Amino acid sequence: MAKKPELDREVVAQNRKARFDYFIEETFEAGLQLTGTEVKSLRGGRSTIAESYVTEDGGEAWLVNANIPLYASGNRYNHEPKRPRKLLLHKAQINKLIGAIQREGRTVVPLQVYFNEQGRAKIEIALAKGKQAHDKRQTIKDRDWQRQRSRLLSHR
């Protein structure tokens, strides 16, 4: 298996189920509008984006149902863990996502949250099409075959 190129990012949360449940068509990098305690809690690395999705409201993209737990030292300035968070995208990207959601019935799912080399929180989102049951079975078969093939080649 080929090595992935090393990116200067510190991954905080991944949605590993997204690549199994959806056909990923196109990916985007977006900024997240966060409060101070959310950033500190993200650096702790206990956040989850497994059941979250991206929606449109008023011409803006919002990340819904992402869980960033409370910051332990935040006291009264703490944030709400599952509040909707605004995604920072260019207008053309937002229009492309909105058009795909409304006209083509696509879904926008988050793939991972990370800190880039400047220390800014970013999220990788994907324009995706849902897989059906037979597609998922084929994915499992392909993954098992790849695993078995690598074992056979390593024993030689």
C-alpha atoms as a PDB file:
ATOM      1  CA  MET A   1       0.000   0.000   0.000  1.00  0.00           C
ATOM      2  CA  ALA A   2       1.389   3.392  -0.975  1.00  0.00           C
ATOM      3  CA  LYS A   3       2.315   5.819   1.785  1.00  0.00           C
ATOM      4  CA  LYS A   4       0.167   8.909   2.088  1.00  0.00           C
ATOM      5  CA  PRO A   5       1.968  12.224   1.735  1.00  0.00           C
ATOM      6  CA  GLU A   6       2.854  13.760   5.083  1.00  0.00           C
ATOM      7  CA  LEU A   7       0.656  16.772   5.729  1.00  0.00           C
ATOM      8  CA  ASP A   8       1.392  19.371   8.371  1.00  0.00           C
ATOM      9  CA  ARG A   9      -1.779  18.818  10.336  1.00  0.00           C
ATOM     10  CA  GLU A  10      -2.655  17.633  13.798  1.00  0.00           C
ATOM     11  CA  VAL A  11      -5.846  15.570  13.376  1.00  0.00           C
ATOM     12  CA  VAL A  12      -8.263  16.054  16.254  1.00  0.00           C
ATOM     13  CA  ALA A  13     -11.357  14.097  15.146  1.00  0.00           C
ATOM     14  CA  GLN A  14     -12.150  11.793  12.235  1.00  0.00           C
ATOM     15  CA  ASN A  15     -15.351  10.485  10.747  1.00  0.00           C
ATOM     16  CA  ARG A  16     -14.141   7.031   9.739  1.00  0.00           C
ATOM     17  CA  LYS A  17     -17.636   5.780   8.950  1.00  0.00           C
ATOM     18  CA  ALA A  18     -18.176   8.446   6.249  1.00  0.00           C
ATOM     19  CA  ARG A  19     -16.005   6.728   3.643  1.00  0.00           C
ATOM     20  CA  PHE A  20     -17.908   3.483   4.241  1.00  0.00           C
ATOM     21  CA  ASP A  21     -21.393   5.032   4.105  1.00  0.00           C
ATOM     22  CA  TYR A  22     -20.854   7.478   1.224  1.00  0.00           C
ATOM     23  CA  PHE A  23     -19.204   7.806  -2.171  1.00  0.00           C
ATOM     24  CA  ILE A  24     -16.919  10.824  -1.710  1.00  0.00           C
ATOM     25  CA  GLU A  25     -17.144  13.030  -4.802  1.00  0.00           C
ATOM     26  CA  GLU A  26     -15.294  16.209  -3.842  1.00  0.00           C
ATOM     27  CA  THR A  27     -13.600  17.517  -0.699  1.00  0.00           C
ATOM     28  CA  PHE A  28     -13.308  21.050   0.648  1.00  0.00           C
ATOM     29  CA  GLU A  29     -11.275  22.620   3.434  1.00  0.00           C
ATOM     30  CA  ALA A  30     -13.235  25.040   5.594  1.00  0.00           C
ATOM     31  CA  GLY A  31     -12.499  27.110   8.635  1.00  0.00           C
ATOM     32  CA  LEU A  32     -14.553  26.802  11.803  1.00  0.00           C
ATOM     33  CA  GLN A  33     -15.919  29.764  13.732  1.00  0.00           C
ATOM     34  CA  LEU A  34     -15.174  28.725  17.328  1.00  0.00           C
ATOM     35  CA  THR A  35     -15.072  30.301  20.764  1.00  0.00           C
ATOM     36  CA  GLY A  36     -11.963  30.221  22.956  1.00  0.00           C
ATOM     37  CA  THR A  37     -13.071  27.327  25.146  1.00  0.00           C
ATOM     38  CA  GLU A  38     -13.966  25.289  22.054  1.00  0.00           C
ATOM     39  CA  VAL A  39     -10.443  25.659  20.689  1.00  0.00           C
ATOM     40  CA  LYS A  40      -8.907  24.651  24.010  1.00  0.00           C
ATOM     41  CA  SER A  41     -11.233  21.665  24.252  1.00  0.00           C
ATOM     42  CA  LEU A  42     -10.374  20.633  20.667  1.00  0.00           C
ATOM     43  CA  ARG A  43      -6.690  20.642  21.550  1.00  0.00           C
ATOM     44  CA  GLY A  44      -7.570  18.083  24.240  1.00  0.00           C
ATOM     45  CA  GLY A  45      -8.656  15.775  21.408  1.00  0.00           C
ATOM     46  CA  ARG A  46     -11.911  14.312  22.719  1.00  0.00           C
ATOM     47  CA  SER A  47     -14.326  15.740  20.139  1.00  0.00           C
ATOM     48  CA  THR A  48     -16.494  13.648  17.811  1.00  0.00           C
ATOM     49  CA  ILE A  49     -17.946  14.376  14.373  1.00  0.00           C
ATOM     50  CA  ALA A  50     -19.297  10.908  13.605  1.00  0.00           C
ATOM     51  CA  GLU A  51     -22.983  11.875  13.537  1.00  0.00           C
ATOM     52  CA  SER A  52     -22.604  15.435  12.305  1.00  0.00           C
ATOM     53  CA  TYR A  53     -23.517  16.931   8.949  1.00  0.00           C
ATOM     54  CA  VAL A  54     -23.418  20.248   7.120  1.00  0.00           C
ATOM     55  CA  THR A  55     -26.575  22.228   6.396  1.00  0.00           C
ATOM     56  CA  GLU A  56     -27.418  25.570   4.809  1.00  0.00           C
ATOM     57  CA  ASP A  57     -29.186  28.438   6.535  1.00  0.00           C
ATOM     58  CA  GLY A  58     -29.456  31.967   5.195  1.00  0.00           C
ATOM     59  CA  GLY A  59     -26.801  31.464   2.526  1.00  0.00           C
ATOM     60  CA  GLU A  60     -24.249  30.171   5.049  1.00  0.00           C
ATOM     61  CA  ALA A  61     -22.943  26.679   5.772  1.00  0.00           C
ATOM     62  CA  TRP A  62     -23.335  25.321   9.323  1.00  0.00           C
ATOM     63  CA  LEU A  63     -21.856  22.255  11.001  1.00  0.00           C
ATOM     64  CA  VAL A  64     -24.649  20.601  12.989  1.00  0.00           C
ATOM     65  CA  ASN A  65     -24.441  17.975  15.742  1.00  0.00           C
ATOM     66  CA  ALA A  66     -20.654  18.005  16.177  1.00  0.00           C
ATOM     67  CA  ASN A  67     -19.711  17.329  19.789  1.00  0.00           C
ATOM     68  CA  ILE A  68     -16.913  19.426  21.275  1.00  0.00           C
ATOM     69  CA  PRO A  69     -16.966  18.608  25.004  1.00  0.00           C
ATOM     70  CA  LEU A  70     -16.877  21.250  27.717  1.00  0.00           C
ATOM     71  CA  TYR A  71     -13.471  22.665  28.615  1.00  0.00           C
ATOM     72  CA  ALA A  72     -12.603  21.646  32.179  1.00  0.00           C
ATOM     73  CA  SER A  73     -11.248  25.075  33.234  1.00  0.00           C
ATOM     74  CA  GLY A  74     -13.852  27.108  31.374  1.00  0.00           C
ATOM     75  CA  ASN A  75     -16.283  27.683  34.294  1.00  0.00           C
ATOM     76  CA  ARG A  76     -19.024  30.163  33.332  1.00  0.00           C
ATOM     77  CA  TYR A  77     -17.456  31.042  29.956  1.00  0.00           C
ATOM     78  CA  ASN A  78     -17.876  27.512  28.637  1.00  0.00           C
ATOM     79  CA  HIS A  79     -19.637  26.733  25.371  1.00  0.00           C
ATOM     80  CA  GLU A  80     -22.579  24.490  24.550  1.00  0.00           C
ATOM     81  CA  PRO A  81     -21.140  21.125  23.371  1.00  0.00           C
ATOM     82  CA  LYS A  82     -23.456  20.466  20.389  1.00  0.00           C
ATOM     83  CA  ARG A  83     -24.227  23.974  19.166  1.00  0.00           C
ATOM     84  CA  PRO A  84     -24.289  24.661  15.394  1.00  0.00           C
ATOM     85  CA  ARG A  85     -20.972  26.101  14.212  1.00  0.00           C
ATOM     86  CA  LYS A  86     -20.519  28.338  11.199  1.00  0.00           C
ATOM     87  CA  LEU A  87     -18.212  27.099   8.439  1.00  0.00           C
ATOM     88  CA  LEU A  88     -15.957  29.660   6.811  1.00  0.00           C
ATOM     89  CA  LEU A  89     -16.043  29.067   3.059  1.00  0.00           C
ATOM     90  CA  HIS A  90     -15.880  31.218  -0.062  1.00  0.00           C
ATOM     91  CA  LYS A  91     -19.242  32.246  -1.515  1.00  0.00           C
ATOM     92  CA  ALA A  92     -18.664  30.179  -4.684  1.00  0.00           C
ATOM     93  CA  GLN A  93     -17.971  27.075  -2.592  1.00  0.00           C
ATOM     94  CA  ILE A  94     -21.099  27.635  -0.509  1.00  0.00           C
ATOM     95  CA  ASN A  95     -23.196  28.076  -3.670  1.00  0.00           C
ATOM     96  CA  LYS A  96     -21.753  24.868  -5.131  1.00  0.00           C
ATOM     97  CA  LEU A  97     -22.571  22.912  -1.957  1.00  0.00           C
ATOM     98  CA  ILE A  98     -26.072  24.373  -1.674  1.00  0.00           C
ATOM     99  CA  GLY A  99     -26.797  23.620  -5.332  1.00  0.00           C
ATOM    100  CA  ALA A 100     -25.635  20.021  -4.981  1.00  0.00           C
ATOM    101  CA  ILE A 101     -27.733  19.527  -1.852  1.00  0.00           C
ATOM    102  CA  GLN A 102     -30.914  21.012  -3.293  1.00  0.00           C
ATOM    103  CA  ARG A 103     -30.801  19.911  -6.939  1.00  0.00           C
ATOM    104  CA  GLU A 104     -28.864  16.650  -6.905  1.00  0.00           C
ATOM    105  CA  GLY A 105     -29.797  15.299  -3.458  1.00  0.00           C
ATOM    106  CA  ARG A 106     -26.190  15.075  -2.283  1.00  0.00           C
ATOM    107  CA  THR A 107     -25.046  15.151   1.341  1.00  0.00           C
ATOM    108  CA  VAL A 108     -22.231  17.184   2.838  1.00  0.00           C
ATOM    109  CA  VAL A 109     -20.413  15.233   5.552  1.00  0.00           C
ATOM    110  CA  PRO A 110     -17.381  16.183   7.650  1.00  0.00           C
ATOM    111  CA  LEU A 111     -14.358  13.904   7.254  1.00  0.00           C
ATOM    112  CA  GLN A 112     -11.921  15.278   9.817  1.00  0.00           C
ATOM    113  CA  VAL A 113     -11.173  18.218  12.092  1.00  0.00           C
ATOM    114  CA  TYR A 114      -7.558  19.256  12.401  1.00  0.00           C
ATOM    115  CA  PHE A 115      -5.175  22.087  13.216  1.00  0.00           C
ATOM    116  CA  ASN A 116      -3.110  23.277  10.248  1.00  0.00           C
ATOM    117  CA  GLU A 117       0.524  24.425  10.350  1.00  0.00           C
ATOM    118  CA  GLN A 118      -0.531  27.925  11.511  1.00  0.00           C
ATOM    119  CA  GLY A 119      -2.474  26.420  14.421  1.00  0.00           C
ATOM    120  CA  ARG A 120      -5.919  27.233  13.019  1.00  0.00           C
ATOM    121  CA  ALA A 121      -8.809  24.798  13.407  1.00  0.00           C
ATOM    122  CA  LYS A 122      -9.949  23.507  10.008  1.00  0.00           C
ATOM    123  CA  ILE A 123     -12.482  20.924   8.906  1.00  0.00           C
ATOM    124  CA  GLU A 124     -12.373  18.775   5.812  1.00  0.00           C
ATOM    125  CA  ILE A 125     -15.872  18.343   4.399  1.00  0.00           C
ATOM    126  CA  ALA A 126     -16.961  16.251   1.452  1.00  0.00           C
ATOM    127  CA  LEU A 127     -19.740  16.383  -1.077  1.00  0.00           C
ATOM    128  CA  ALA A 128     -21.002  12.814  -1.001  1.00  0.00           C
ATOM    129  CA  LYS A 129     -23.615  10.457  -2.382  1.00  0.00           C
ATOM    130  CA  GLY A 130     -25.058   7.771  -0.103  1.00  0.00           C
ATOM    131  CA  LYS A 131     -24.173   4.123  -0.662  1.00  0.00           C
ATOM    132  CA  GLN A 132     -26.785   1.402  -0.786  1.00  0.00           C
ATOM    133  CA  ALA A 133     -26.460  -1.954   0.972  1.00  0.00           C
ATOM    134  CA  HIS A 134     -24.975  -3.781  -2.043  1.00  0.00           C
ATOM    135  CA  ASP A 135     -22.366  -1.031  -2.456  1.00  0.00           C
ATOM    136  CA  LYS A 136     -21.331  -1.433   1.171  1.00  0.00           C
ATOM    137  CA  ARG A 137     -21.023  -5.211   0.762  1.00  0.00           C
ATOM    138  CA  GLN A 138     -18.777  -4.670  -2.260  1.00  0.00           C
ATOM    139  CA  THR A 139     -16.622  -2.280  -0.229  1.00  0.00           C
ATOM    140  CA  ILE A 140     -16.218  -4.937   2.476  1.00  0.00           C
ATOM    141  CA  LYS A 141     -15.276  -7.555  -0.134  1.00  0.00           C
ATOM    142  CA  ASP A 142     -12.676  -5.257  -1.707  1.00  0.00           C
ATOM    143  CA  ARG A 143     -11.171  -4.373   1.678  1.00  0.00           C
ATOM    144  CA  ASP A 144     -10.948  -8.053   2.691  1.00  0.00           C
ATOM    145  CA  TRP A 145      -9.321  -8.944  -0.615  1.00  0.00           C
ATOM    146  CA  GLN A 146      -6.726  -6.188  -0.229  1.00  0.00           C
ATOM    147  CA  ARG A 147      -5.925  -7.387   3.284  1.00  0.00           C
ATOM    148  CA  GLN A 148      -5.627 -11.015   2.151  1.00  0.00           C
ATOM    149  CA  ARG A 149      -3.492 -10.046  -0.868  1.00  0.00           C
ATOM    150  CA  SER A 150      -1.067  -8.090   1.314  1.00  0.00           C
ATOM    151  CA  ARG A 151      -0.741 -11.082   3.648  1.00  0.00           C
ATOM    152  CA  LEU A 152      -0.015 -13.403   0.738  1.00  0.00           C
ATOM    153  CA  LEU A 153       2.606 -11.059  -0.675  1.00  0.00           C
ATOM    154  CA  SER A 154       4.299 -10.559   2.686  1.00  0.00           C
ATOM    155  CA  HIS A 155       4.723 -14.348   3.199  1.00  0.00           C
ATOM    156  CA  ARG A 156       6.744 -14.704   0.002  1.00  0.00           C
END
